[in-house]
Amino acid sequence: MMKNFMPPLVLMTVCIIVSGLLAFANDLTLPKIEKAQQEKLQTSLNEVFGEADYKVSELSFDGITQIITDDKKRAIFDITVDGYAKDGIQTLIGIDENGEICGISIVSIAETAGLGTKVQNKAYLSNYIGLSSPEFSSDTIITGATYSSKGMQKAVSIALDTYSANKEAIIGE
């Protein structure tokens, strides 16, 4: 009778020990990972939008991770969208007080190297600068990177639509 209970008991003990070790490793590395992500976000903000007094908004909207405002009356949307990979493109999209896109930065990208990663090229991103409505030209689709291009279009659409519908709440904070 004891023979039948021993293998599951040993397996359960091993699972509990391994789970505890994984939880410990997670607790140990989580602050470092969060700090690295914060630094990457700050670097992206400074590179594209320059030095400013950035403030994370308390507002929450569908499809937007966070909204960052600055002292120049710009709203910067942190948006993660699907490209070819699920949640493959994390981007910062800045909109100025006139409702036009004033800058785009790719914070992280998990798209296919050489194809989907073309959406992070400055020449490609410049196609979106100055847009005030989600009406895209054919220049915003990259041959061979259609999913990634459409992901970028979706991110830009989310930012522009959210800004135009909630400008007072976002900038007036």
C-alpha atoms as a PDB file:
ATOM      1  CA  MET A   1       0.000   0.000   0.000  1.00  0.00           C
ATOM      2  CA  MET A   2       2.801   2.441   0.901  1.00  0.00           C
ATOM      3  CA  LYS A   3       4.466   1.617  -2.431  1.00  0.00           C
ATOM      4  CA  ASN A   4       1.601   3.304  -4.307  1.00  0.00           C
ATOM      5  CA  PHE A   5       1.849   6.569  -2.341  1.00  0.00           C
ATOM      6  CA  MET A   6       5.622   6.999  -2.444  1.00  0.00           C
ATOM      7  CA  PRO A   7       6.150   8.184  -6.097  1.00  0.00           C
ATOM      8  CA  PRO A   8       3.439  10.870  -5.967  1.00  0.00           C
ATOM      9  CA  LEU A   9       4.686  12.022  -2.566  1.00  0.00           C
ATOM     10  CA  VAL A  10       8.258  12.336  -3.827  1.00  0.00           C
ATOM     11  CA  LEU A  11       7.060  14.153  -6.963  1.00  0.00           C
ATOM     12  CA  MET A  12       4.957  16.539  -4.866  1.00  0.00           C
ATOM     13  CA  THR A  13       7.934  17.280  -2.581  1.00  0.00           C
ATOM     14  CA  VAL A  14      10.208  17.974  -5.544  1.00  0.00           C
ATOM     15  CA  CYS A  15       7.572  20.284  -7.093  1.00  0.00           C
ATOM     16  CA  ILE A  16       7.187  22.243  -3.840  1.00  0.00           C
ATOM     17  CA  ILE A  17      10.962  22.688  -3.509  1.00  0.00           C
ATOM     18  CA  VAL A  18      11.383  23.765  -7.149  1.00  0.00           C
ATOM     19  CA  SER A  19       8.426  26.176  -6.894  1.00  0.00           C
ATOM     20  CA  GLY A  20       9.963  27.721  -3.785  1.00  0.00           C
ATOM     21  CA  LEU A  21      13.305  28.158  -5.541  1.00  0.00           C
ATOM     22  CA  LEU A  22      11.615  29.787  -8.544  1.00  0.00           C
ATOM     23  CA  ALA A  23       9.688  32.183  -6.295  1.00  0.00           C
ATOM     24  CA  PHE A  24      12.921  33.067  -4.502  1.00  0.00           C
ATOM     25  CA  ALA A  25      14.737  33.690  -7.806  1.00  0.00           C
ATOM     26  CA  ASN A  26      11.841  35.848  -9.005  1.00  0.00           C
ATOM     27  CA  ASP A  27      11.916  37.961  -5.836  1.00  0.00           C
ATOM     28  CA  LEU A  28      15.658  38.345  -6.215  1.00  0.00           C
ATOM     29  CA  THR A  29      15.630  39.488  -9.864  1.00  0.00           C
ATOM     30  CA  LEU A  30      12.346  41.425 -10.099  1.00  0.00           C
ATOM     31  CA  PRO A  31      13.705  44.767  -8.801  1.00  0.00           C
ATOM     32  CA  LYS A  32      16.631  44.618 -11.248  1.00  0.00           C
ATOM     33  CA  ILE A  33      14.323  43.863 -14.167  1.00  0.00           C
ATOM     34  CA  GLU A  34      11.937  46.685 -13.228  1.00  0.00           C
ATOM     35  CA  LYS A  35      14.842  49.114 -12.872  1.00  0.00           C
ATOM     36  CA  ALA A  36      16.226  48.113 -16.290  1.00  0.00           C
ATOM     37  CA  GLN A  37      12.783  48.586 -17.891  1.00  0.00           C
ATOM     38  CA  GLN A  38      12.415  52.014 -16.256  1.00  0.00           C
ATOM     39  CA  GLU A  39      15.867  53.060 -17.486  1.00  0.00           C
ATOM     40  CA  LYS A  40      15.048  51.890 -21.021  1.00  0.00           C
ATOM     41  CA  LEU A  41      11.803  53.869 -20.952  1.00  0.00           C
ATOM     42  CA  GLN A  42      13.575  57.001 -19.677  1.00  0.00           C
ATOM     43  CA  THR A  43      16.293  56.630 -22.338  1.00  0.00           C
ATOM     44  CA  SER A  44      13.654  56.339 -25.068  1.00  0.00           C
ATOM     45  CA  LEU A  45      11.845  59.418 -23.750  1.00  0.00           C
ATOM     46  CA  ASN A  46      15.038  61.485 -23.671  1.00  0.00           C
ATOM     47  CA  GLU A  47      16.245  60.349 -27.116  1.00  0.00           C
ATOM     48  CA  VAL A  48      13.016  61.142 -28.952  1.00  0.00           C
ATOM     49  CA  PHE A  49      11.392  63.894 -26.927  1.00  0.00           C
ATOM     50  CA  GLY A  50      14.394  65.485 -25.227  1.00  0.00           C
ATOM     51  CA  GLU A  51      14.930  66.456 -21.617  1.00  0.00           C
ATOM     52  CA  ALA A  52      11.687  67.456 -19.935  1.00  0.00           C
ATOM     53  CA  ASP A  53       9.785  67.116 -16.700  1.00  0.00           C
ATOM     54  CA  TYR A  54       7.941  63.839 -17.373  1.00  0.00           C
ATOM     55  CA  LYS A  55       5.006  62.753 -15.248  1.00  0.00           C
ATOM     56  CA  VAL A  56       3.095  59.475 -15.443  1.00  0.00           C
ATOM     57  CA  SER A  57      -0.635  60.077 -15.647  1.00  0.00           C
ATOM     58  CA  GLU A  58      -3.153  58.300 -13.439  1.00  0.00           C
ATOM     59  CA  LEU A  59      -5.544  57.951 -16.387  1.00  0.00           C
ATOM     60  CA  SER A  60      -6.232  54.549 -17.875  1.00  0.00           C
ATOM     61  CA  PHE A  61      -7.498  53.730 -21.361  1.00  0.00           C
ATOM     62  CA  ASP A  62      -7.927  50.502 -23.315  1.00  0.00           C
ATOM     63  CA  GLY A  63      -4.827  49.469 -25.230  1.00  0.00           C
ATOM     64  CA  ILE A  64      -2.524  51.915 -23.447  1.00  0.00           C
ATOM     65  CA  THR A  65       0.004  50.799 -20.850  1.00  0.00           C
ATOM     66  CA  GLN A  66       0.571  54.308 -19.510  1.00  0.00           C
ATOM     67  CA  ILE A  67       0.343  57.945 -20.496  1.00  0.00           C
ATOM     68  CA  ILE A  68       3.231  60.273 -19.790  1.00  0.00           C
ATOM     69  CA  THR A  69       2.837  64.029 -19.959  1.00  0.00           C
ATOM     70  CA  ASP A  70       5.532  66.668 -19.951  1.00  0.00           C
ATOM     71  CA  ASP A  71       5.937  70.369 -19.297  1.00  0.00           C
ATOM     72  CA  LYS A  72       5.667  71.101 -23.056  1.00  0.00           C
ATOM     73  CA  LYS A  73       1.993  70.021 -23.159  1.00  0.00           C
ATOM     74  CA  ARG A  74       2.766  66.765 -24.968  1.00  0.00           C
ATOM     75  CA  ALA A  75       1.143  63.430 -24.256  1.00  0.00           C
ATOM     76  CA  ILE A  76       3.310  60.369 -24.747  1.00  0.00           C
ATOM     77  CA  PHE A  77       1.491  57.062 -24.999  1.00  0.00           C
ATOM     78  CA  ASP A  78       3.221  53.821 -24.005  1.00  0.00           C
ATOM     79  CA  ILE A  79       1.488  51.235 -26.182  1.00  0.00           C
ATOM     80  CA  THR A  80       2.246  47.557 -26.719  1.00  0.00           C
ATOM     81  CA  VAL A  81       0.673  45.931 -29.774  1.00  0.00           C
ATOM     82  CA  ASP A  82       0.820  42.678 -31.662  1.00  0.00           C
ATOM     83  CA  GLY A  83       2.904  42.552 -34.790  1.00  0.00           C
ATOM     84  CA  TYR A  84       3.901  39.153 -36.052  1.00  0.00           C
ATOM     85  CA  ALA A  85       4.642  38.262 -32.426  1.00  0.00           C
ATOM     86  CA  LYS A  86       2.044  38.660 -29.687  1.00  0.00           C
ATOM     87  CA  ASP A  87       2.820  41.919 -27.841  1.00  0.00           C
ATOM     88  CA  GLY A  88       5.816  42.203 -30.165  1.00  0.00           C
ATOM     89  CA  ILE A  89       6.063  45.997 -30.379  1.00  0.00           C
ATOM     90  CA  GLN A  90       6.283  48.354 -27.398  1.00  0.00           C
ATOM     91  CA  THR A  91       6.308  51.921 -28.591  1.00  0.00           C
ATOM     92  CA  LEU A  92       6.147  55.461 -27.252  1.00  0.00           C
ATOM     93  CA  ILE A  93       4.022  57.770 -29.397  1.00  0.00           C
ATOM     94  CA  GLY A  94       4.143  61.475 -28.616  1.00  0.00           C
ATOM     95  CA  ILE A  95       1.372  63.865 -29.568  1.00  0.00           C
ATOM     96  CA  ASP A  96       1.817  67.622 -29.284  1.00  0.00           C
ATOM     97  CA  GLU A  97      -0.797  70.140 -28.178  1.00  0.00           C
ATOM     98  CA  ASN A  98      -2.003  70.515 -31.804  1.00  0.00           C
ATOM     99  CA  GLY A  99      -2.944  66.822 -31.872  1.00  0.00           C
ATOM    100  CA  GLU A 100      -0.128  65.837 -34.235  1.00  0.00           C
ATOM    101  CA  ILE A 101       2.374  63.050 -33.748  1.00  0.00           C
ATOM    102  CA  CYS A 102       5.648  64.667 -32.752  1.00  0.00           C
ATOM    103  CA  GLY A 103       7.763  61.585 -32.135  1.00  0.00           C
ATOM    104  CA  ILE A 104       7.828  57.803 -32.031  1.00  0.00           C
ATOM    105  CA  SER A 105      10.261  55.551 -30.219  1.00  0.00           C
ATOM    106  CA  ILE A 106      10.414  51.772 -30.161  1.00  0.00           C
ATOM    107  CA  VAL A 107      11.122  50.701 -26.574  1.00  0.00           C
ATOM    108  CA  SER A 108      11.250  46.978 -27.317  1.00  0.00           C
ATOM    109  CA  ILE A 109      10.581  44.801 -30.311  1.00  0.00           C
ATOM    110  CA  ALA A 110      10.178  41.038 -30.575  1.00  0.00           C
ATOM    111  CA  GLU A 111       9.503  40.878 -34.301  1.00  0.00           C
ATOM    112  CA  THR A 112      11.323  38.798 -36.907  1.00  0.00           C
ATOM    113  CA  ALA A 113      14.895  40.053 -37.257  1.00  0.00           C
ATOM    114  CA  GLY A 114      15.543  41.664 -40.614  1.00  0.00           C
ATOM    115  CA  LEU A 115      11.871  41.917 -41.571  1.00  0.00           C
ATOM    116  CA  GLY A 116       9.582  42.962 -38.734  1.00  0.00           C
ATOM    117  CA  THR A 117      12.348  44.933 -37.079  1.00  0.00           C
ATOM    118  CA  LYS A 118      12.311  47.331 -40.048  1.00  0.00           C
ATOM    119  CA  VAL A 119       9.513  49.211 -38.294  1.00  0.00           C
ATOM    120  CA  GLN A 120      12.091  50.683 -35.924  1.00  0.00           C
ATOM    121  CA  ASN A 121      14.031  52.428 -38.718  1.00  0.00           C
ATOM    122  CA  LYS A 122      13.935  56.223 -38.379  1.00  0.00           C
ATOM    123  CA  ALA A 123      13.001  56.618 -42.055  1.00  0.00           C
ATOM    124  CA  TYR A 124       9.961  54.403 -41.569  1.00  0.00           C
ATOM    125  CA  LEU A 125       8.887  56.059 -38.306  1.00  0.00           C
ATOM    126  CA  SER A 126       9.137  59.508 -39.937  1.00  0.00           C
ATOM    127  CA  ASN A 127       6.111  58.557 -42.099  1.00  0.00           C
ATOM    128  CA  TYR A 128       3.942  58.998 -39.020  1.00  0.00           C
ATOM    129  CA  ILE A 129       5.347  62.348 -37.845  1.00  0.00           C
ATOM    130  CA  GLY A 130       2.814  65.138 -38.319  1.00  0.00           C
ATOM    131  CA  LEU A 131      -0.233  62.866 -38.588  1.00  0.00           C
ATOM    132  CA  SER A 132      -3.286  64.106 -36.735  1.00  0.00           C
ATOM    133  CA  SER A 133      -5.693  61.367 -37.816  1.00  0.00           C
ATOM    134  CA  PRO A 134      -5.238  57.660 -38.449  1.00  0.00           C
ATOM    135  CA  GLU A 135      -5.253  57.943 -42.247  1.00  0.00           C
ATOM    136  CA  PHE A 136      -2.186  56.106 -43.447  1.00  0.00           C
ATOM    137  CA  SER A 137      -0.324  56.315 -46.740  1.00  0.00           C
ATOM    138  CA  SER A 138       1.050  53.284 -48.532  1.00  0.00           C
ATOM    139  CA  ASP A 139       4.472  54.197 -47.072  1.00  0.00           C
ATOM    140  CA  THR A 140       3.379  52.838 -43.713  1.00  0.00           C
ATOM    141  CA  ILE A 141       3.291  49.220 -44.955  1.00  0.00           C
ATOM    142  CA  ILE A 142       6.650  47.497 -45.362  1.00  0.00           C
ATOM    143  CA  THR A 143       6.748  44.668 -47.882  1.00  0.00           C
ATOM    144  CA  GLY A 144       7.566  41.457 -46.047  1.00  0.00           C
ATOM    145  CA  ALA A 145       6.685  42.991 -42.688  1.00  0.00           C
ATOM    146  CA  THR A 146       2.956  43.466 -43.101  1.00  0.00           C
ATOM    147  CA  TYR A 147       2.001  42.262 -39.619  1.00  0.00           C
ATOM    148  CA  SER A 148       4.594  44.497 -37.970  1.00  0.00           C
ATOM    149  CA  SER A 149       3.548  47.476 -40.116  1.00  0.00           C
ATOM    150  CA  LYS A 150      -0.104  46.948 -39.266  1.00  0.00           C
ATOM    151  CA  GLY A 151       0.871  46.680 -35.605  1.00  0.00           C
ATOM    152  CA  MET A 152       2.499  50.112 -35.840  1.00  0.00           C
ATOM    153  CA  GLN A 153      -0.584  51.491 -37.582  1.00  0.00           C
ATOM    154  CA  LYS A 154      -2.725  50.103 -34.765  1.00  0.00           C
ATOM    155  CA  ALA A 155      -0.499  51.714 -32.112  1.00  0.00           C
ATOM    156  CA  VAL A 156      -0.655  55.073 -33.894  1.00  0.00           C
ATOM    157  CA  SER A 157      -4.439  54.778 -34.286  1.00  0.00           C
ATOM    158  CA  ILE A 158      -4.875  53.995 -30.583  1.00  0.00           C
ATOM    159  CA  ALA A 159      -2.752  57.011 -29.604  1.00  0.00           C
ATOM    160  CA  LEU A 160      -4.455  59.463 -31.971  1.00  0.00           C
ATOM    161  CA  ASP A 161      -7.993  58.272 -31.211  1.00  0.00           C
ATOM    162  CA  THR A 162      -7.424  58.301 -27.445  1.00  0.00           C
ATOM    163  CA  TYR A 163      -5.831  61.746 -27.559  1.00  0.00           C
ATOM    164  CA  SER A 164      -8.565  63.313 -29.702  1.00  0.00           C
ATOM    165  CA  ALA A 165     -11.348  61.842 -27.542  1.00  0.00           C
ATOM    166  CA  ASN A 166      -9.709  62.745 -24.206  1.00  0.00           C
ATOM    167  CA  LYS A 167      -7.433  65.728 -24.855  1.00  0.00           C
ATOM    168  CA  GLU A 168      -8.751  67.843 -21.998  1.00  0.00           C
ATOM    169  CA  ALA A 169      -8.430  65.064 -19.460  1.00  0.00           C
ATOM    170  CA  ILE A 170      -4.936  64.094 -20.630  1.00  0.00           C
ATOM    171  CA  ILE A 171      -3.322  67.524 -21.002  1.00  0.00           C
ATOM    172  CA  GLY A 172      -5.422  69.248 -18.358  1.00  0.00           C
ATOM    173  CA  GLU A 173      -4.063  66.995 -15.607  1.00  0.00           C
END
